[in-house]
Each structure stands twice: as structure tokens, then as C-alpha cells.
């Protein structure tokens, strides 16, 4: 059974792009808002979530905290165009496995996700 990945970004084009990148090897779920992401966490129980730091009204860090309340073993990757040291520090405290900056390199991202899923 393939690993399940949840991609959370408020930009539908980013979600679609990443779905194309990962759908061959993984079961992929998409969310463009926090409430949908939380619903998917509850129902699909993904193994890993790629979370954009800026989701309109909600920060990625706040969403990660809520997701971990539902599924505490969720593997996490943070994606953003502008990290602040505080975001990175808080993400690390929450167990984020990798921090990827936009624009991202597709090959690097695929490698990063595969490594995290194989090593936990």
C-alpha cells in the first residue's frame, strides 16, 4: 500500500503541481484551506503532510499544532516563500522534518519526501 501524502497550500496551482509530482508513487490528498486539511487528517490518516506556512487567515504553524492533536505521528514538511527564524524554531519544536523554500526544486523535494517516508 502506498504512503499517503497531504499537500496543503492556499495556491491551487501549487497543490496541482505537487499532486502531479507525487501521484505516481503515493496516494495524494489536497487542501487549500485549514478546515479541509483537518478533515482529511481525520478521515484519510495521511503519513506525511507538506504544509505551506501562509494559508491566508491561518498560519501553517497553527495548523500543524491542530493536525498533531488529531494524528500525533504525522510526518511534517514545511513549505514557504519566506521563513522567519521564529517559524523555523517553532516548526522544529513541533517535529517538522524538513523546511523547503519556494520556489522549490522538484527533484530535491521528491528526494526529501522519499527519505522522510523511508526513515520516519
N, C-alpha and C. Protein backbone atom coordinates (compact mmCIF):
# COMPACT_ATOMS: atom_id res chain seq x y z
N UNK A 1 0.85 -1.18 0.00
CA UNK A 1 0.00 0.00 0.00
C UNK A 1 0.89 1.25 0.00
N UNK A 2 0.63 2.19 -0.91
CA UNK A 2 1.48 3.39 -0.97
C UNK A 2 1.26 4.31 0.23
N UNK A 3 2.30 5.06 0.54
CA UNK A 3 2.17 6.08 1.58
C UNK A 3 1.17 7.13 1.14
N UNK A 4 0.54 7.76 2.12
CA UNK A 4 -0.42 8.83 1.85
C UNK A 4 0.22 10.17 2.19
N UNK A 5 0.09 11.12 1.25
CA UNK A 5 0.64 12.46 1.42
C UNK A 5 -0.50 13.47 1.32
N UNK A 6 -0.52 14.41 2.25
CA UNK A 6 -1.45 15.53 2.21
C UNK A 6 -0.67 16.80 1.86
N UNK A 7 -1.10 17.48 0.82
CA UNK A 7 -0.46 18.73 0.39
C UNK A 7 -1.41 19.87 0.74
N UNK A 8 -0.90 20.82 1.53
CA UNK A 8 -1.72 21.94 1.98
C UNK A 8 -1.07 23.25 1.55
N UNK A 9 -1.73 23.93 0.63
CA UNK A 9 -1.24 25.22 0.14
C UNK A 9 -2.44 26.01 -0.32
N UNK A 10 -2.50 27.29 -0.01
CA UNK A 10 -3.65 28.10 -0.41
C UNK A 10 -3.62 28.47 -1.89
N UNK A 11 -2.57 28.08 -2.59
CA UNK A 11 -2.48 28.32 -4.02
C UNK A 11 -2.81 27.01 -4.75
N UNK A 12 -3.98 26.92 -5.37
CA UNK A 12 -4.38 25.69 -6.04
C UNK A 12 -3.37 25.20 -7.08
N UNK A 13 -2.67 26.11 -7.74
CA UNK A 13 -1.68 25.68 -8.75
C UNK A 13 -0.52 24.92 -8.11
N UNK A 14 -0.11 25.34 -6.91
CA UNK A 14 0.96 24.62 -6.20
C UNK A 14 0.47 23.22 -5.84
N UNK A 15 -0.76 23.14 -5.33
CA UNK A 15 -1.34 21.83 -4.99
C UNK A 15 -1.36 20.92 -6.21
N UNK A 16 -1.85 21.44 -7.33
CA UNK A 16 -1.94 20.64 -8.56
C UNK A 16 -0.57 20.20 -9.05
N UNK A 17 0.40 21.09 -9.00
CA UNK A 17 1.76 20.76 -9.41
C UNK A 17 2.31 19.63 -8.55
N UNK A 18 2.17 19.76 -7.24
CA UNK A 18 2.72 18.73 -6.35
C UNK A 18 1.95 17.42 -6.46
N UNK A 19 0.67 17.51 -6.75
CA UNK A 19 -0.09 16.28 -6.99
C UNK A 19 0.49 15.53 -8.18
N UNK A 20 0.80 16.25 -9.26
CA UNK A 20 1.41 15.62 -10.44
C UNK A 20 2.76 15.00 -10.11
N UNK A 21 3.53 15.67 -9.27
CA UNK A 21 4.85 15.19 -8.90
C UNK A 21 4.78 13.88 -8.10
N UNK A 22 3.79 13.77 -7.22
CA UNK A 22 3.77 12.65 -6.27
C UNK A 22 2.75 11.55 -6.58
N UNK A 23 1.77 11.78 -7.46
CA UNK A 23 0.68 10.81 -7.60
C UNK A 23 1.10 9.45 -8.16
N UNK A 24 2.22 9.39 -8.84
CA UNK A 24 2.69 8.11 -9.38
C UNK A 24 3.14 7.17 -8.26
N UNK A 25 3.71 7.72 -7.20
CA UNK A 25 4.30 6.90 -6.15
C UNK A 25 3.52 6.89 -4.84
N UNK A 26 2.61 7.85 -4.66
CA UNK A 26 1.92 8.00 -3.38
C UNK A 26 0.43 8.25 -3.60
N UNK A 27 -0.36 7.99 -2.57
CA UNK A 27 -1.76 8.39 -2.56
C UNK A 27 -1.78 9.84 -2.08
N UNK A 28 -2.27 10.75 -2.92
CA UNK A 28 -2.15 12.18 -2.66
C UNK A 28 -3.51 12.81 -2.35
N UNK A 29 -3.52 13.63 -1.31
CA UNK A 29 -4.70 14.41 -0.92
C UNK A 29 -4.33 15.89 -0.97
N UNK A 30 -5.29 16.74 -1.32
CA UNK A 30 -5.03 18.17 -1.46
C UNK A 30 -5.98 18.98 -0.59
N UNK A 31 -5.45 20.06 -0.03
CA UNK A 31 -6.28 21.00 0.72
C UNK A 31 -5.75 22.41 0.49
N UNK A 32 -6.67 23.34 0.23
CA UNK A 32 -6.26 24.73 0.05
C UNK A 32 -6.65 25.59 1.25
N UNK A 33 -7.25 24.96 2.26
CA UNK A 33 -7.59 25.69 3.49
C UNK A 33 -7.48 24.75 4.69
N UNK A 34 -7.33 25.35 5.86
CA UNK A 34 -7.07 24.61 7.09
C UNK A 34 -8.17 23.62 7.44
N UNK A 35 -9.43 24.03 7.35
CA UNK A 35 -10.53 23.14 7.74
C UNK A 35 -10.55 21.87 6.90
N UNK A 36 -10.32 22.01 5.60
CA UNK A 36 -10.28 20.84 4.72
C UNK A 36 -9.10 19.94 5.10
N UNK A 37 -7.97 20.54 5.42
CA UNK A 37 -6.79 19.75 5.82
C UNK A 37 -7.09 18.93 7.07
N UNK A 38 -7.74 19.54 8.05
CA UNK A 38 -8.06 18.83 9.29
C UNK A 38 -9.04 17.69 9.03
N UNK A 39 -9.99 17.92 8.14
CA UNK A 39 -10.95 16.87 7.77
C UNK A 39 -10.22 15.68 7.13
N UNK A 40 -9.27 15.97 6.25
CA UNK A 40 -8.50 14.90 5.59
C UNK A 40 -7.64 14.15 6.61
N UNK A 41 -7.05 14.86 7.55
CA UNK A 41 -6.24 14.20 8.58
C UNK A 41 -7.11 13.18 9.32
N UNK A 42 -8.32 13.58 9.68
CA UNK A 42 -9.22 12.69 10.41
C UNK A 42 -9.66 11.49 9.58
N UNK A 43 -10.01 11.71 8.33
CA UNK A 43 -10.61 10.65 7.53
C UNK A 43 -9.59 9.78 6.80
N UNK A 44 -8.56 10.38 6.24
CA UNK A 44 -7.60 9.62 5.42
C UNK A 44 -6.38 9.15 6.18
N UNK A 45 -6.08 9.82 7.32
CA UNK A 45 -4.91 9.47 8.13
C UNK A 45 -3.62 9.41 7.28
N UNK A 46 -3.25 10.52 6.65
CA UNK A 46 -2.03 10.52 5.83
C UNK A 46 -0.78 10.28 6.67
N UNK A 47 0.27 9.80 6.01
CA UNK A 47 1.54 9.56 6.68
C UNK A 47 2.36 10.83 6.81
N UNK A 48 2.21 11.72 5.82
CA UNK A 48 3.05 12.92 5.75
C UNK A 48 2.22 14.08 5.23
N UNK A 49 2.49 15.28 5.74
CA UNK A 49 1.83 16.49 5.24
C UNK A 49 2.89 17.51 4.85
N UNK A 50 2.70 18.09 3.67
CA UNK A 50 3.50 19.21 3.21
C UNK A 50 2.65 20.45 3.45
N UNK A 51 3.10 21.33 4.33
CA UNK A 51 2.27 22.43 4.80
C UNK A 51 2.90 23.77 4.43
N UNK A 52 2.14 24.58 3.70
CA UNK A 52 2.58 25.94 3.41
C UNK A 52 2.47 26.77 4.69
N UNK A 53 3.43 27.62 4.92
CA UNK A 53 3.44 28.45 6.14
C UNK A 53 2.33 29.48 6.15
N UNK A 54 1.96 30.00 5.01
CA UNK A 54 0.95 31.07 4.94
C UNK A 54 -0.29 30.55 4.23
N UNK A 55 -1.34 30.34 5.00
CA UNK A 55 -2.58 29.80 4.45
C UNK A 55 -3.71 30.83 4.55
N UNK A 56 -3.45 32.01 4.09
CA UNK A 56 -4.46 33.05 4.19
C UNK A 56 -4.64 33.51 5.63
N UNK A 57 -5.78 33.17 6.21
CA UNK A 57 -6.09 33.60 7.57
C UNK A 57 -5.35 32.81 8.65
N UNK A 58 -4.85 31.64 8.33
CA UNK A 58 -4.24 30.77 9.33
C UNK A 58 -2.77 30.54 8.99
N UNK A 59 -1.95 30.46 10.02
CA UNK A 59 -0.53 30.16 9.78
C UNK A 59 -0.35 28.65 9.73
N UNK A 60 0.65 28.23 8.98
CA UNK A 60 0.97 26.81 8.90
C UNK A 60 1.33 26.22 10.25
N UNK A 61 1.99 27.00 11.09
CA UNK A 61 2.38 26.52 12.43
C UNK A 61 1.13 26.22 13.26
N UNK A 62 0.14 27.13 13.22
CA UNK A 62 -1.11 26.90 13.96
C UNK A 62 -1.80 25.64 13.45
N UNK A 63 -1.82 25.47 12.13
CA UNK A 63 -2.46 24.29 11.54
C UNK A 63 -1.72 23.02 11.95
N UNK A 64 -0.40 23.06 11.94
CA UNK A 64 0.38 21.88 12.35
C UNK A 64 0.03 21.47 13.77
N UNK A 65 -0.09 22.44 14.66
CA UNK A 65 -0.45 22.12 16.05
C UNK A 65 -1.79 21.39 16.11
N UNK A 66 -2.78 21.85 15.33
CA UNK A 66 -4.09 21.22 15.30
C UNK A 66 -4.03 19.83 14.68
N UNK A 67 -3.24 19.68 13.62
CA UNK A 67 -3.12 18.38 12.96
C UNK A 67 -2.49 17.35 13.90
N UNK A 68 -1.50 17.78 14.66
CA UNK A 68 -0.83 16.85 15.58
C UNK A 68 -1.74 16.42 16.73
N UNK A 69 -2.74 17.24 17.05
CA UNK A 69 -3.73 16.83 18.06
C UNK A 69 -4.57 15.67 17.54
N UNK A 70 -4.76 15.61 16.23
CA UNK A 70 -5.55 14.55 15.61
C UNK A 70 -4.68 13.32 15.33
N UNK A 71 -3.47 13.55 14.82
CA UNK A 71 -2.58 12.44 14.43
C UNK A 71 -1.16 12.81 14.86
N UNK A 72 -0.78 12.34 16.04
CA UNK A 72 0.49 12.79 16.63
C UNK A 72 1.73 12.20 15.99
N UNK A 73 1.58 11.20 15.11
CA UNK A 73 2.75 10.64 14.44
C UNK A 73 2.87 11.11 12.99
N UNK A 74 2.14 12.17 12.65
CA UNK A 74 2.18 12.72 11.30
C UNK A 74 3.56 13.30 11.00
N UNK A 75 4.14 12.88 9.89
CA UNK A 75 5.42 13.44 9.44
C UNK A 75 5.15 14.76 8.73
N UNK A 76 6.00 15.75 8.96
CA UNK A 76 5.71 17.10 8.50
C UNK A 76 6.86 17.73 7.72
N UNK A 77 6.48 18.41 6.64
CA UNK A 77 7.41 19.21 5.85
C UNK A 77 6.78 20.59 5.71
N UNK A 78 7.57 21.62 5.98
CA UNK A 78 7.08 22.99 5.90
C UNK A 78 7.57 23.62 4.59
N UNK A 79 6.66 24.33 3.93
CA UNK A 79 6.94 24.94 2.64
C UNK A 79 6.58 26.42 2.73
N UNK A 80 7.49 27.29 2.28
CA UNK A 80 7.18 28.72 2.31
C UNK A 80 8.10 29.52 1.40
N UNK A 81 7.66 30.73 1.15
CA UNK A 81 8.47 31.66 0.37
C UNK A 81 9.33 32.54 1.25
N UNK A 82 9.02 32.57 2.54
CA UNK A 82 9.80 33.43 3.44
C UNK A 82 9.75 32.92 4.88
N UNK A 83 10.80 32.24 5.27
CA UNK A 83 10.90 31.76 6.65
C UNK A 83 11.39 32.86 7.56
N UNK A 84 10.86 32.86 8.75
CA UNK A 84 11.46 33.68 9.79
C UNK A 84 12.14 32.71 10.75
N UNK A 85 13.16 33.13 11.44
CA UNK A 85 13.80 32.23 12.40
C UNK A 85 12.80 31.68 13.42
N UNK A 86 11.83 32.49 13.81
CA UNK A 86 10.83 32.04 14.78
C UNK A 86 9.97 30.90 14.22
N UNK A 87 9.56 31.01 12.95
CA UNK A 87 8.78 29.94 12.34
C UNK A 87 9.58 28.64 12.29
N UNK A 88 10.83 28.77 11.89
CA UNK A 88 11.67 27.58 11.79
C UNK A 88 11.88 26.96 13.17
N UNK A 89 12.11 27.78 14.16
CA UNK A 89 12.30 27.30 15.53
C UNK A 89 11.04 26.59 16.03
N UNK A 90 9.89 27.21 15.83
CA UNK A 90 8.63 26.61 16.28
C UNK A 90 8.33 25.33 15.50
N UNK A 91 8.61 25.33 14.21
CA UNK A 91 8.42 24.13 13.40
C UNK A 91 9.29 22.99 13.90
N UNK A 92 10.52 23.28 14.22
CA UNK A 92 11.42 22.25 14.74
C UNK A 92 10.90 21.71 16.07
N UNK A 93 10.37 22.59 16.92
CA UNK A 93 9.79 22.15 18.20
C UNK A 93 8.63 21.19 17.98
N UNK A 94 7.88 21.40 16.90
CA UNK A 94 6.73 20.56 16.59
C UNK A 94 7.10 19.29 15.84
N UNK A 95 8.38 19.14 15.50
CA UNK A 95 8.83 17.92 14.84
C UNK A 95 8.87 17.98 13.33
N UNK A 96 8.85 19.18 12.75
CA UNK A 96 8.94 19.30 11.30
C UNK A 96 10.27 18.68 10.84
N UNK A 97 10.18 17.80 9.85
CA UNK A 97 11.36 17.06 9.38
C UNK A 97 12.19 17.82 8.36
N UNK A 98 11.54 18.73 7.61
CA UNK A 98 12.28 19.48 6.59
C UNK A 98 11.58 20.81 6.33
N UNK A 99 12.38 21.79 5.94
CA UNK A 99 11.90 23.13 5.60
C UNK A 99 12.31 23.39 4.16
N UNK A 100 11.34 23.54 3.26
CA UNK A 100 11.63 23.77 1.85
C UNK A 100 11.12 25.14 1.44
N UNK A 101 11.95 25.87 0.70
CA UNK A 101 11.60 27.22 0.30
C UNK A 101 11.08 27.26 -1.12
N UNK A 102 10.08 28.12 -1.35
CA UNK A 102 9.59 28.41 -2.69
C UNK A 102 10.51 29.45 -3.30
N UNK A 103 10.83 29.38 -4.54
CA UNK A 103 10.49 28.28 -5.43
C UNK A 103 11.31 27.04 -5.08
N UNK A 104 10.69 25.90 -5.14
CA UNK A 104 11.36 24.66 -4.75
C UNK A 104 11.83 23.90 -5.99
N UNK A 105 12.79 23.05 -5.78
CA UNK A 105 13.31 22.17 -6.82
C UNK A 105 12.55 20.85 -6.72
N UNK A 106 11.89 20.44 -7.79
CA UNK A 106 11.05 19.24 -7.78
C UNK A 106 11.86 17.99 -7.43
N UNK A 107 13.03 17.85 -8.01
CA UNK A 107 13.85 16.66 -7.75
C UNK A 107 14.28 16.62 -6.29
N UNK A 108 14.68 17.77 -5.75
CA UNK A 108 15.07 17.85 -4.35
C UNK A 108 13.88 17.53 -3.44
N UNK A 109 12.71 18.04 -3.79
CA UNK A 109 11.53 17.77 -2.97
C UNK A 109 11.17 16.29 -3.00
N UNK A 110 11.18 15.66 -4.16
CA UNK A 110 10.87 14.23 -4.26
C UNK A 110 11.83 13.41 -3.41
N UNK A 111 13.10 13.75 -3.49
CA UNK A 111 14.13 13.05 -2.72
C UNK A 111 13.91 13.25 -1.22
N UNK A 112 13.61 14.46 -0.82
CA UNK A 112 13.37 14.78 0.58
C UNK A 112 12.19 13.98 1.13
N UNK A 113 11.08 13.97 0.40
CA UNK A 113 9.87 13.26 0.85
C UNK A 113 10.13 11.76 0.91
N UNK A 114 10.79 11.21 -0.10
CA UNK A 114 11.10 9.78 -0.08
C UNK A 114 11.97 9.41 1.10
N UNK A 115 12.95 10.24 1.40
CA UNK A 115 13.83 9.99 2.54
C UNK A 115 13.08 10.03 3.86
N UNK A 116 12.23 11.03 4.03
CA UNK A 116 11.47 11.15 5.28
C UNK A 116 10.54 9.95 5.44
N UNK A 117 9.87 9.55 4.38
CA UNK A 117 8.93 8.43 4.48
C UNK A 117 9.65 7.10 4.73
N UNK A 118 10.86 6.96 4.24
CA UNK A 118 11.57 5.70 4.46
C UNK A 118 12.26 5.66 5.82
N UNK A 119 12.59 6.82 6.37
CA UNK A 119 13.31 6.87 7.64
C UNK A 119 12.43 7.28 8.82
N UNK A 120 11.24 7.79 8.53
CA UNK A 120 10.35 8.24 9.61
C UNK A 120 10.82 9.51 10.13
